[in-house]
N, C-alpha and C. Protein backbone atom coordinates (compact mmCIF):
# COMPACT_ATOMS: atom_id res chain seq x y z
N MET A 1 0.83 -1.20 0.00
CA MET A 1 0.00 0.00 0.00
C MET A 1 0.87 1.25 0.00
N ARG A 2 1.97 1.20 0.80
CA ARG A 2 2.86 2.34 0.87
C ARG A 2 3.51 2.60 -0.48
N LYS A 3 3.89 1.50 -1.20
CA LYS A 3 4.50 1.67 -2.53
C LYS A 3 3.51 2.30 -3.50
N LEU A 4 2.26 1.88 -3.42
CA LEU A 4 1.23 2.43 -4.31
C LEU A 4 1.02 3.91 -4.03
N THR A 5 1.00 4.29 -2.77
CA THR A 5 0.83 5.70 -2.39
C THR A 5 1.98 6.54 -2.90
N THR A 6 3.21 6.00 -2.76
CA THR A 6 4.39 6.71 -3.24
C THR A 6 4.34 6.88 -4.75
N PHE A 7 3.91 5.84 -5.48
CA PHE A 7 3.81 5.91 -6.94
C PHE A 7 2.82 6.98 -7.38
N ILE A 8 1.66 7.01 -6.71
CA ILE A 8 0.65 8.00 -7.06
C ILE A 8 1.16 9.41 -6.81
N ALA A 9 1.86 9.60 -5.70
CA ALA A 9 2.40 10.92 -5.36
C ALA A 9 3.41 11.38 -6.41
N VAL A 10 4.29 10.46 -6.83
CA VAL A 10 5.29 10.79 -7.85
C VAL A 10 4.62 11.09 -9.17
N PHE A 11 3.60 10.30 -9.54
CA PHE A 11 2.87 10.50 -10.80
C PHE A 11 2.21 11.88 -10.83
N VAL A 12 1.56 12.26 -9.72
CA VAL A 12 0.91 13.56 -9.65
C VAL A 12 1.93 14.68 -9.75
N LEU A 13 3.08 14.51 -9.10
CA LEU A 13 4.13 15.52 -9.15
C LEU A 13 4.64 15.71 -10.56
N VAL A 14 4.90 14.59 -11.26
CA VAL A 14 5.38 14.66 -12.65
C VAL A 14 4.34 15.29 -13.55
N LEU A 15 3.08 14.89 -13.38
CA LEU A 15 2.00 15.44 -14.19
C LEU A 15 1.88 16.94 -13.98
N GLY A 16 2.01 17.37 -12.74
CA GLY A 16 1.87 18.79 -12.43
C GLY A 16 2.99 19.64 -12.98
N THR A 17 4.17 19.04 -13.22
CA THR A 17 5.31 19.81 -13.71
C THR A 17 5.61 19.56 -15.17
N ALA A 18 4.81 18.73 -15.82
CA ALA A 18 5.05 18.42 -17.23
C ALA A 18 4.87 19.67 -18.08
N PRO A 19 5.75 19.85 -19.09
CA PRO A 19 5.63 21.04 -19.93
C PRO A 19 4.34 21.04 -20.73
N GLY A 20 3.72 22.16 -20.87
CA GLY A 20 2.51 22.31 -21.67
C GLY A 20 2.59 23.57 -22.49
N PRO A 21 1.54 23.91 -23.21
CA PRO A 21 1.57 25.11 -24.02
C PRO A 21 1.73 26.36 -23.17
N ALA A 22 2.61 27.26 -23.61
CA ALA A 22 2.85 28.51 -22.88
C ALA A 22 1.94 29.59 -23.42
N LEU A 23 0.83 29.81 -22.77
CA LEU A 23 -0.13 30.80 -23.22
C LEU A 23 0.04 32.09 -22.44
N ALA A 24 -0.45 33.19 -23.02
CA ALA A 24 -0.38 34.47 -22.32
C ALA A 24 -1.28 34.43 -21.09
N GLN A 25 -0.69 34.70 -19.94
CA GLN A 25 -1.46 34.67 -18.70
C GLN A 25 -1.95 36.06 -18.30
N ASN A 26 -1.17 37.09 -18.66
CA ASN A 26 -1.52 38.43 -18.22
C ASN A 26 -1.10 39.44 -19.28
N ALA A 27 -1.48 39.20 -20.52
CA ALA A 27 -1.10 40.12 -21.60
C ALA A 27 -1.71 41.49 -21.33
N HIS A 28 -0.88 42.53 -21.46
CA HIS A 28 -1.35 43.88 -21.18
C HIS A 28 -0.47 44.89 -21.90
N PHE A 29 -1.03 46.09 -22.10
CA PHE A 29 -0.24 47.18 -22.67
C PHE A 29 0.71 47.72 -21.62
N LYS A 30 1.93 48.03 -22.03
CA LYS A 30 2.85 48.71 -21.13
C LYS A 30 2.42 50.16 -21.01
N HIS A 31 2.91 50.83 -19.98
CA HIS A 31 2.51 52.21 -19.69
C HIS A 31 2.72 53.11 -20.91
N GLY A 32 1.71 53.89 -21.22
CA GLY A 32 1.80 54.81 -22.36
C GLY A 32 1.32 54.22 -23.66
N SER A 33 0.93 52.94 -23.67
CA SER A 33 0.44 52.28 -24.88
C SER A 33 -1.05 52.00 -24.72
N PRO A 34 -1.78 51.92 -25.84
CA PRO A 34 -1.34 52.17 -27.22
C PRO A 34 -1.40 53.65 -27.57
N LYS A 35 -0.72 54.00 -28.65
CA LYS A 35 -0.75 55.35 -29.20
C LYS A 35 -1.21 55.27 -30.65
N SER A 36 -1.56 56.42 -31.21
CA SER A 36 -2.06 56.45 -32.59
C SER A 36 -1.46 57.63 -33.34
N THR A 37 -1.27 57.42 -34.65
CA THR A 37 -0.83 58.49 -35.54
C THR A 37 -1.74 58.54 -36.75
N ASP A 38 -2.26 59.72 -37.05
CA ASP A 38 -3.06 59.96 -38.25
C ASP A 38 -2.08 60.32 -39.37
N ASN A 39 -2.02 59.44 -40.39
CA ASN A 39 -1.09 59.65 -41.51
C ASN A 39 -1.74 60.36 -42.69
N GLY A 40 -2.93 60.89 -42.50
CA GLY A 40 -3.66 61.52 -43.59
C GLY A 40 -4.79 60.61 -44.06
N LEU A 41 -4.42 59.59 -44.83
CA LEU A 41 -5.42 58.63 -45.32
C LEU A 41 -5.44 57.34 -44.52
N THR A 42 -4.41 57.11 -43.72
CA THR A 42 -4.33 55.88 -42.94
C THR A 42 -4.12 56.20 -41.46
N LEU A 43 -4.33 55.20 -40.62
CA LEU A 43 -4.14 55.34 -39.18
C LEU A 43 -3.18 54.26 -38.70
N THR A 44 -2.18 54.65 -37.91
CA THR A 44 -1.25 53.70 -37.31
C THR A 44 -1.49 53.64 -35.81
N VAL A 45 -1.60 52.42 -35.29
CA VAL A 45 -1.69 52.20 -33.85
C VAL A 45 -0.42 51.46 -33.44
N PHE A 46 0.22 51.94 -32.37
CA PHE A 46 1.51 51.36 -31.99
C PHE A 46 1.67 51.40 -30.48
N GLY A 47 2.68 50.68 -29.99
CA GLY A 47 2.94 50.65 -28.56
C GLY A 47 3.75 49.43 -28.20
N GLU A 48 3.58 48.96 -26.96
CA GLU A 48 4.33 47.80 -26.48
C GLU A 48 3.42 46.99 -25.56
N ILE A 49 3.48 45.66 -25.71
CA ILE A 49 2.70 44.78 -24.85
C ILE A 49 3.63 43.83 -24.10
N ALA A 50 3.18 43.43 -22.92
CA ALA A 50 3.95 42.53 -22.07
C ALA A 50 3.02 41.44 -21.56
N GLY A 51 3.59 40.47 -20.84
CA GLY A 51 2.80 39.40 -20.26
C GLY A 51 2.38 38.34 -21.25
N LEU A 52 3.06 38.25 -22.39
CA LEU A 52 2.73 37.27 -23.41
C LEU A 52 3.36 35.92 -23.12
N GLY A 53 2.84 34.87 -23.78
CA GLY A 53 3.44 33.56 -23.70
C GLY A 53 4.55 33.43 -24.73
N ASN A 54 4.80 32.21 -25.20
CA ASN A 54 5.92 31.97 -26.11
C ASN A 54 5.50 31.81 -27.57
N GLY A 55 4.21 31.83 -27.85
CA GLY A 55 3.74 31.60 -29.21
C GLY A 55 3.85 32.81 -30.11
N ASP A 56 3.51 32.59 -31.38
CA ASP A 56 3.48 33.69 -32.35
C ASP A 56 2.34 34.65 -32.00
N VAL A 57 2.53 35.90 -32.38
CA VAL A 57 1.52 36.94 -32.13
C VAL A 57 1.06 37.48 -33.48
N ARG A 58 -0.24 37.71 -33.61
CA ARG A 58 -0.75 38.37 -34.81
C ARG A 58 -1.74 39.46 -34.39
N LEU A 59 -1.80 40.51 -35.20
CA LEU A 59 -2.68 41.63 -34.86
C LEU A 59 -3.21 42.31 -36.11
N LYS A 60 -4.40 42.91 -35.95
CA LYS A 60 -5.02 43.72 -36.99
C LYS A 60 -5.76 44.87 -36.31
N VAL A 61 -6.00 45.92 -37.08
CA VAL A 61 -6.78 47.04 -36.56
C VAL A 61 -7.80 47.46 -37.61
N GLY A 62 -8.98 47.83 -37.13
CA GLY A 62 -9.99 48.45 -37.98
C GLY A 62 -10.21 49.86 -37.48
N ALA A 63 -10.59 50.77 -38.37
CA ALA A 63 -10.82 52.16 -37.96
C ALA A 63 -11.94 52.77 -38.77
N SER A 64 -12.69 53.64 -38.14
CA SER A 64 -13.74 54.37 -38.85
C SER A 64 -13.45 55.85 -38.74
N GLY A 65 -13.86 56.58 -39.78
CA GLY A 65 -13.58 58.01 -39.79
C GLY A 65 -14.41 58.75 -40.82
N ILE A 66 -14.24 60.05 -40.82
CA ILE A 66 -14.98 60.92 -41.72
C ILE A 66 -14.06 61.32 -42.87
N PRO A 67 -14.38 60.91 -44.09
CA PRO A 67 -13.55 61.30 -45.24
C PRO A 67 -13.70 62.81 -45.53
N ILE A 68 -12.60 63.42 -45.92
CA ILE A 68 -12.60 64.81 -46.38
C ILE A 68 -12.22 64.76 -47.86
N ALA A 69 -13.12 65.28 -48.72
CA ALA A 69 -12.96 65.06 -50.17
C ALA A 69 -13.06 66.36 -50.95
N ASN A 70 -12.72 66.27 -52.23
CA ASN A 70 -13.02 67.37 -53.16
C ASN A 70 -13.55 66.77 -54.46
N CYS A 71 -14.14 67.63 -55.27
CA CYS A 71 -14.67 67.23 -56.57
C CYS A 71 -13.90 67.97 -57.65
N CYS A 72 -13.46 67.22 -58.66
CA CYS A 72 -12.65 67.81 -59.72
C CYS A 72 -13.23 67.47 -61.10
N THR A 73 -13.16 68.46 -62.01
CA THR A 73 -13.57 68.23 -63.39
C THR A 73 -12.40 67.63 -64.16
N ASN A 74 -12.68 67.24 -65.40
CA ASN A 74 -11.58 66.72 -66.23
C ASN A 74 -10.51 67.76 -66.46
N GLY A 75 -10.90 69.04 -66.36
CA GLY A 75 -9.92 70.11 -66.51
C GLY A 75 -9.18 70.44 -65.24
N GLU A 76 -9.33 69.55 -64.24
CA GLU A 76 -8.65 69.69 -62.95
C GLU A 76 -9.07 70.93 -62.18
N GLN A 77 -10.29 71.40 -62.41
CA GLN A 77 -10.85 72.47 -61.59
C GLN A 77 -11.56 71.80 -60.43
N CYS A 78 -11.12 72.09 -59.21
CA CYS A 78 -11.61 71.36 -58.04
C CYS A 78 -12.35 72.28 -57.08
N LYS A 79 -13.31 71.69 -56.38
CA LYS A 79 -14.03 72.42 -55.34
C LYS A 79 -14.47 71.44 -54.27
N VAL A 80 -14.79 72.01 -53.11
CA VAL A 80 -15.28 71.17 -52.02
C VAL A 80 -16.70 70.72 -52.37
N PRO A 81 -17.01 69.42 -52.18
CA PRO A 81 -18.36 68.96 -52.51
C PRO A 81 -19.41 69.57 -51.59
N GLY A 82 -20.67 69.50 -52.00
CA GLY A 82 -21.74 70.04 -51.18
C GLY A 82 -21.78 69.41 -49.80
N GLN A 83 -21.43 68.14 -49.70
CA GLN A 83 -21.29 67.46 -48.42
C GLN A 83 -20.20 66.41 -48.55
N ASN A 84 -19.56 66.11 -47.42
CA ASN A 84 -18.50 65.12 -47.46
C ASN A 84 -19.08 63.71 -47.47
N PRO A 85 -18.32 62.73 -47.95
CA PRO A 85 -18.82 61.35 -48.00
C PRO A 85 -19.20 60.85 -46.61
N ALA A 86 -20.04 59.83 -46.58
CA ALA A 86 -20.42 59.20 -45.32
C ALA A 86 -19.20 58.57 -44.67
N ALA A 87 -19.30 58.31 -43.38
CA ALA A 87 -18.19 57.70 -42.64
C ALA A 87 -17.72 56.43 -43.34
N ALA A 88 -16.43 56.22 -43.32
CA ALA A 88 -15.83 55.05 -43.99
C ALA A 88 -15.09 54.21 -42.96
N THR A 89 -15.02 52.91 -43.23
CA THR A 89 -14.27 51.98 -42.37
C THR A 89 -13.13 51.37 -43.16
N VAL A 90 -11.96 51.34 -42.55
CA VAL A 90 -10.77 50.75 -43.20
C VAL A 90 -10.15 49.74 -42.23
N THR A 91 -9.41 48.80 -42.80
CA THR A 91 -8.82 47.72 -42.01
C THR A 91 -7.37 47.52 -42.44
N SER A 92 -6.55 47.03 -41.53
CA SER A 92 -5.16 46.75 -41.85
C SER A 92 -5.00 45.32 -42.37
N ALA A 93 -3.84 45.06 -42.92
CA ALA A 93 -3.43 43.68 -43.17
C ALA A 93 -3.03 43.07 -41.84
N THR A 94 -2.87 41.74 -41.81
CA THR A 94 -2.43 41.06 -40.59
C THR A 94 -0.93 41.25 -40.40
N VAL A 95 -0.54 41.66 -39.20
CA VAL A 95 0.88 41.75 -38.83
C VAL A 95 1.21 40.52 -37.98
N LEU A 96 2.25 39.77 -38.36
CA LEU A 96 2.66 38.58 -37.63
C LEU A 96 4.00 38.83 -36.95
N ILE A 97 4.05 38.54 -35.65
CA ILE A 97 5.29 38.67 -34.88
C ILE A 97 5.68 37.28 -34.40
N PRO A 98 6.80 36.73 -34.89
CA PRO A 98 7.19 35.38 -34.47
C PRO A 98 7.44 35.33 -32.96
N GLY A 99 7.04 34.22 -32.34
CA GLY A 99 7.27 34.08 -30.91
C GLY A 99 8.74 34.16 -30.55
N SER A 100 9.62 33.75 -31.48
CA SER A 100 11.05 33.76 -31.21
C SER A 100 11.61 35.17 -31.05
N SER A 101 10.86 36.18 -31.52
CA SER A 101 11.34 37.56 -31.40
C SER A 101 10.87 38.25 -30.13
N LEU A 102 9.99 37.59 -29.36
CA LEU A 102 9.54 38.16 -28.09
C LEU A 102 10.67 38.11 -27.07
N LYS A 103 10.75 39.11 -26.23
CA LYS A 103 11.78 39.15 -25.20
C LYS A 103 11.09 39.18 -23.84
N ASN A 104 11.19 38.07 -23.13
CA ASN A 104 10.54 37.95 -21.82
C ASN A 104 9.06 38.29 -21.89
N GLY A 105 8.41 37.80 -22.95
CA GLY A 105 6.98 38.02 -23.10
C GLY A 105 6.59 39.43 -23.50
N THR A 106 7.55 40.19 -24.00
CA THR A 106 7.30 41.59 -24.37
C THR A 106 7.63 41.82 -25.83
N THR A 107 6.85 42.67 -26.50
CA THR A 107 7.15 43.03 -27.88
C THR A 107 6.53 44.38 -28.23
N PRO A 108 7.23 45.15 -29.07
CA PRO A 108 6.59 46.35 -29.62
C PRO A 108 5.60 45.93 -30.71
N ILE A 109 4.58 46.75 -30.94
CA ILE A 109 3.62 46.49 -32.01
C ILE A 109 3.41 47.75 -32.84
N THR A 110 3.21 47.56 -34.13
CA THR A 110 2.84 48.65 -35.02
C THR A 110 1.96 48.08 -36.10
N VAL A 111 0.79 48.68 -36.33
CA VAL A 111 -0.12 48.20 -37.35
C VAL A 111 -0.80 49.41 -37.99
N THR A 112 -0.91 49.40 -39.32
CA THR A 112 -1.44 50.55 -40.07
C THR A 112 -2.58 50.10 -40.97
N THR A 113 -3.65 50.87 -40.98
CA THR A 113 -4.79 50.55 -41.84
C THR A 113 -4.44 50.75 -43.31
N GLU A 114 -5.23 50.16 -44.17
CA GLU A 114 -5.20 50.49 -45.58
C GLU A 114 -5.86 51.86 -45.77
N ALA A 115 -5.62 52.50 -46.90
CA ALA A 115 -6.30 53.76 -47.22
C ALA A 115 -7.69 53.46 -47.79
N PRO A 116 -8.63 54.39 -47.64
CA PRO A 116 -9.96 54.18 -48.25
C PRO A 116 -9.86 54.25 -49.77
N GLU A 117 -10.84 53.66 -50.44
CA GLU A 117 -10.86 53.68 -51.90
C GLU A 117 -11.06 55.11 -52.40
N THR A 118 -10.17 55.53 -53.29
CA THR A 118 -10.28 56.85 -53.89
C THR A 118 -9.66 56.81 -55.28
N PRO A 119 -10.25 57.50 -56.28
CA PRO A 119 -11.49 58.26 -56.26
C PRO A 119 -12.70 57.39 -55.91
N ILE A 120 -13.76 58.03 -55.40
CA ILE A 120 -14.97 57.32 -55.04
C ILE A 120 -15.78 57.04 -56.31
N PRO A 121 -16.07 55.78 -56.59
CA PRO A 121 -16.82 55.45 -57.82
C PRO A 121 -18.15 56.20 -57.90
N GLY A 122 -18.41 56.79 -59.05
CA GLY A 122 -19.67 57.49 -59.28
C GLY A 122 -19.73 58.90 -58.75
N ALA A 123 -18.71 59.31 -57.98
CA ALA A 123 -18.65 60.68 -57.44
C ALA A 123 -19.99 61.14 -56.87
N PRO A 124 -20.54 60.42 -55.88
CA PRO A 124 -21.91 60.70 -55.42
C PRO A 124 -22.12 62.07 -54.80
N GLU A 125 -21.08 62.69 -54.23
CA GLU A 125 -21.24 64.00 -53.61
C GLU A 125 -20.94 65.15 -54.58
N CYS A 126 -20.58 64.84 -55.81
CA CYS A 126 -20.23 65.87 -56.80
C CYS A 126 -21.45 66.22 -57.67
N PRO A 127 -21.37 67.31 -58.47
CA PRO A 127 -22.51 67.72 -59.29
C PRO A 127 -23.04 66.63 -60.22
N ASN A 128 -22.15 65.81 -60.77
CA ASN A 128 -22.60 64.68 -61.59
C ASN A 128 -21.47 63.66 -61.67
N SER A 129 -21.76 62.51 -62.26
CA SER A 129 -20.78 61.41 -62.29
C SER A 129 -19.62 61.68 -63.23
N GLY A 130 -19.69 62.78 -63.99
CA GLY A 130 -18.55 63.15 -64.84
C GLY A 130 -17.41 63.77 -64.06
N TRP A 131 -17.68 64.13 -62.82
CA TRP A 131 -16.63 64.67 -61.96
C TRP A 131 -15.84 63.53 -61.32
N THR A 132 -14.71 63.86 -60.73
CA THR A 132 -13.92 62.89 -59.96
C THR A 132 -13.94 63.31 -58.49
N GLU A 133 -14.35 62.38 -57.62
CA GLU A 133 -14.40 62.68 -56.19
C GLU A 133 -13.22 61.99 -55.49
N ASN A 134 -12.32 62.81 -54.98
CA ASN A 134 -11.10 62.32 -54.36
C ASN A 134 -11.16 62.48 -52.84
N ILE A 135 -10.80 61.43 -52.12
CA ILE A 135 -10.65 61.55 -50.66
C ILE A 135 -9.25 62.08 -50.38
N LEU A 136 -9.19 63.22 -49.73
CA LEU A 136 -7.91 63.88 -49.46
C LEU A 136 -7.32 63.44 -48.12
N SER A 137 -8.17 63.19 -47.14
CA SER A 137 -7.71 62.76 -45.82
C SER A 137 -8.87 62.14 -45.06
N MET A 138 -8.53 61.56 -43.92
CA MET A 138 -9.53 60.93 -43.05
C MET A 138 -9.40 61.53 -41.65
N ALA A 139 -10.53 61.88 -41.06
CA ALA A 139 -10.57 62.29 -39.65
C ALA A 139 -11.13 61.11 -38.87
N PHE A 140 -10.26 60.36 -38.20
CA PHE A 140 -10.66 59.10 -37.57
C PHE A 140 -11.36 59.35 -36.24
N THR A 141 -12.42 58.58 -36.00
CA THR A 141 -13.21 58.73 -34.77
C THR A 141 -13.06 57.54 -33.83
N GLN A 142 -12.79 56.35 -34.36
CA GLN A 142 -12.59 55.16 -33.53
C GLN A 142 -11.65 54.18 -34.21
N SER A 143 -10.96 53.39 -33.41
CA SER A 143 -10.23 52.24 -33.94
C SER A 143 -10.42 51.06 -33.01
N ALA A 144 -10.37 49.87 -33.58
CA ALA A 144 -10.57 48.62 -32.83
C ALA A 144 -9.39 47.70 -33.10
N LEU A 145 -8.60 47.46 -32.06
CA LEU A 145 -7.37 46.67 -32.18
C LEU A 145 -7.61 45.27 -31.64
N ARG A 146 -7.11 44.29 -32.37
CA ARG A 146 -7.27 42.89 -31.96
C ARG A 146 -5.91 42.20 -32.02
N ILE A 147 -5.48 41.64 -30.88
CA ILE A 147 -4.18 40.97 -30.78
C ILE A 147 -4.42 39.54 -30.34
N GLN A 148 -3.85 38.59 -31.07
CA GLN A 148 -4.00 37.17 -30.76
C GLN A 148 -2.63 36.51 -30.61
N GLN A 149 -2.60 35.39 -29.88
CA GLN A 149 -1.37 34.62 -29.74
C GLN A 149 -1.69 33.13 -29.84
N SER A 150 -0.72 32.39 -30.40
CA SER A 150 -0.86 30.93 -30.48
C SER A 150 -0.17 30.28 -29.29
N SER A 151 -0.40 28.98 -29.11
CA SER A 151 0.18 28.27 -27.96
C SER A 151 1.67 28.03 -28.10
N ALA A 152 2.18 28.06 -29.33
CA ALA A 152 3.60 27.80 -29.56
C ALA A 152 3.99 28.33 -30.94
N ASN A 153 5.28 28.49 -31.18
CA ASN A 153 5.75 28.93 -32.49
C ASN A 153 5.26 27.96 -33.56
N GLY A 154 4.67 28.49 -34.60
CA GLY A 154 4.21 27.66 -35.70
C GLY A 154 2.83 27.06 -35.50
N ALA A 155 2.26 27.17 -34.32
CA ALA A 155 0.92 26.63 -34.07
C ALA A 155 -0.13 27.55 -34.69
N THR A 156 -1.28 27.00 -34.97
CA THR A 156 -2.34 27.78 -35.62
C THR A 156 -3.54 28.03 -34.71
N ASP A 157 -3.40 27.70 -33.43
CA ASP A 157 -4.52 27.84 -32.50
C ASP A 157 -4.55 29.23 -31.85
N PHE A 158 -4.63 30.26 -32.69
CA PHE A 158 -4.62 31.63 -32.19
C PHE A 158 -5.91 31.94 -31.41
N SER A 159 -5.77 32.72 -30.35
CA SER A 159 -6.93 33.21 -29.61
C SER A 159 -6.64 34.63 -29.12
N ASP A 160 -7.71 35.38 -28.88
CA ASP A 160 -7.56 36.77 -28.45
C ASP A 160 -6.87 36.86 -27.10
N VAL A 161 -5.88 37.75 -27.00
CA VAL A 161 -5.24 38.02 -25.70
C VAL A 161 -5.41 39.48 -25.29
N ILE A 162 -5.52 40.38 -26.27
CA ILE A 162 -5.82 41.78 -25.98
C ILE A 162 -6.73 42.32 -27.08
N THR A 163 -7.80 42.98 -26.68
CA THR A 163 -8.62 43.75 -27.61
C THR A 163 -8.75 45.15 -27.03
N ALA A 164 -8.83 46.13 -27.91
CA ALA A 164 -8.91 47.52 -27.45
C ALA A 164 -9.82 48.32 -28.34
N CYS A 165 -10.67 49.12 -27.72
CA CYS A 165 -11.53 50.07 -28.43
C CYS A 165 -11.00 51.46 -28.11
N ILE A 166 -10.54 52.17 -29.14
CA ILE A 166 -9.96 53.50 -28.96
C ILE A 166 -10.89 54.52 -29.59
N THR A 167 -11.29 55.51 -28.81
CA THR A 167 -12.19 56.56 -29.27
C THR A 167 -11.46 57.89 -29.31
N TYR A 168 -11.52 58.57 -30.45
CA TYR A 168 -10.83 59.85 -30.63
C TYR A 168 -11.84 60.99 -30.54
N SER A 169 -11.60 61.90 -29.60
CA SER A 169 -12.52 63.02 -29.41
C SER A 169 -11.71 64.26 -29.04
N PRO A 170 -11.61 65.23 -29.97
CA PRO A 170 -12.25 65.28 -31.28
C PRO A 170 -11.62 64.29 -32.25
N ALA A 171 -12.20 64.18 -33.44
CA ALA A 171 -11.64 63.31 -34.48
C ALA A 171 -10.21 63.73 -34.78
N THR A 172 -9.41 62.78 -35.25
CA THR A 172 -8.00 63.04 -35.47
C THR A 172 -7.75 64.02 -36.62
N SER A 173 -6.60 64.65 -36.56
CA SER A 173 -6.06 65.38 -37.70
C SER A 173 -4.64 64.87 -37.87
N ASP A 174 -3.95 65.28 -38.92
CA ASP A 174 -2.64 64.70 -39.22
C ASP A 174 -1.68 64.78 -38.03
N GLY A 175 -0.96 63.67 -37.82
CA GLY A 175 0.07 63.64 -36.78
C GLY A 175 -0.27 62.71 -35.64
N VAL A 176 0.62 62.68 -34.64
CA VAL A 176 0.41 61.84 -33.46
C VAL A 176 -0.76 62.40 -32.66
N VAL A 177 -1.65 61.50 -32.23
CA VAL A 177 -2.83 61.92 -31.48
C VAL A 177 -2.44 62.18 -30.03
N SER A 178 -2.78 63.33 -29.51
CA SER A 178 -2.47 63.67 -28.12
C SER A 178 -3.22 62.75 -27.17
N SER A 179 -2.57 62.39 -26.08
CA SER A 179 -3.20 61.51 -25.09
C SER A 179 -4.45 62.14 -24.48
N ALA A 180 -4.57 63.47 -24.59
CA ALA A 180 -5.74 64.16 -24.06
C ALA A 180 -6.95 64.00 -24.98
N ASN A 181 -6.72 63.50 -26.21
CA ASN A 181 -7.78 63.46 -27.21
C ASN A 181 -8.27 62.05 -27.54
N PHE A 182 -7.91 61.06 -26.73
CA PHE A 182 -8.45 59.72 -26.98
C PHE A 182 -8.61 58.97 -25.66
N SER A 183 -9.50 57.98 -25.69
CA SER A 183 -9.70 57.10 -24.54
C SER A 183 -9.66 55.66 -25.01
N VAL A 184 -9.24 54.76 -24.13
CA VAL A 184 -9.05 53.35 -24.49
C VAL A 184 -9.79 52.46 -23.51
N VAL A 185 -10.53 51.49 -24.04
CA VAL A 185 -11.13 50.43 -23.23
C VAL A 185 -10.48 49.12 -23.66
N VAL A 186 -9.91 48.40 -22.69
CA VAL A 186 -9.12 47.21 -23.01
C VAL A 186 -9.77 45.97 -22.40
N GLY A 187 -9.70 44.86 -23.13
CA GLY A 187 -10.20 43.58 -22.63
C GLY A 187 -9.48 42.45 -23.32
N ASN A 188 -10.10 41.28 -23.36
CA ASN A 188 -9.51 40.15 -24.08
C ASN A 188 -10.55 39.40 -24.90
N ALA A 189 -11.59 40.13 -25.30
CA ALA A 189 -12.63 39.55 -26.16
C ALA A 189 -13.28 40.67 -26.95
N VAL A 190 -14.03 40.32 -27.98
CA VAL A 190 -14.72 41.32 -28.79
C VAL A 190 -16.23 41.06 -28.73
N PRO A 191 -17.04 42.13 -28.85
CA PRO A 191 -16.64 43.52 -28.88
C PRO A 191 -16.37 44.04 -27.47
N ILE A 192 -15.84 45.25 -27.39
CA ILE A 192 -15.58 45.87 -26.10
C ILE A 192 -15.74 47.37 -26.25
N GLY A 193 -16.09 48.04 -25.17
CA GLY A 193 -16.30 49.48 -25.23
C GLY A 193 -17.44 49.83 -26.15
N SER A 194 -17.35 51.01 -26.75
CA SER A 194 -18.41 51.48 -27.65
C SER A 194 -18.16 51.09 -29.10
N CYS A 195 -17.05 50.38 -29.36
CA CYS A 195 -16.75 49.96 -30.73
C CYS A 195 -17.68 48.83 -31.14
N PRO A 196 -18.35 48.95 -32.28
CA PRO A 196 -19.23 47.86 -32.73
C PRO A 196 -18.42 46.63 -33.14
N LEU A 197 -19.06 45.48 -33.08
CA LEU A 197 -18.39 44.24 -33.45
C LEU A 197 -17.84 44.32 -34.88
N SER A 198 -18.57 45.00 -35.78
CA SER A 198 -18.15 45.08 -37.18
C SER A 198 -16.84 45.83 -37.37
N LEU A 199 -16.44 46.63 -36.37
CA LEU A 199 -15.19 47.39 -36.51
C LEU A 199 -13.98 46.53 -36.18
N PHE A 200 -14.18 45.48 -35.37
CA PHE A 200 -13.05 44.59 -35.03
C PHE A 200 -12.76 43.68 -36.21
N PRO A 201 -11.53 43.70 -36.69
CA PRO A 201 -11.23 42.90 -37.90
C PRO A 201 -11.20 41.41 -37.60
N THR A 202 -11.45 40.62 -38.63
CA THR A 202 -11.31 39.17 -38.55
C THR A 202 -10.01 38.77 -39.24
N PHE A 203 -9.50 37.61 -38.89
CA PHE A 203 -8.22 37.15 -39.45
C PHE A 203 -8.47 36.12 -40.56
């Protein structure tokens, strides 16, 4: 009986210390992150995250904003349209960070949206469809960041570890957004904050 008890104790000890997948236990933004830069037609969200596991990291961002446009004739005579286009949503490509590049569960992140489609087909805000309607810049009002990690390098079992809803008030203008002009709600699932589910990108 004593031998059996000893065997069970050793088995439990080995089982409890056996290596398993290293998942993010406390993924979080480091102080001062995330930040945003309005590049005119695109939005960049950047910063640093810590508390990650050992797997690969992937991230995407979606953003919505108010396009600022003009209307131009074939003779390149341009004017401001009677009204600006309706709010537009743009999304980034997927950024992949190999787990091997993480340092003690920490990594910098940078992700940039695509630009909105321009010229706008049909020039709906211009006098007629013979004009060209160009988006000159975007005033962003919200962005939705999604960060996922896999259980190990090369694994495909990605799951959300950080999600963030960033609200810009007032809407952005060109350059780095002042910390006084945005608020962030952070979690580990979507949706979160006031950002709609449709703003969070899918992979």
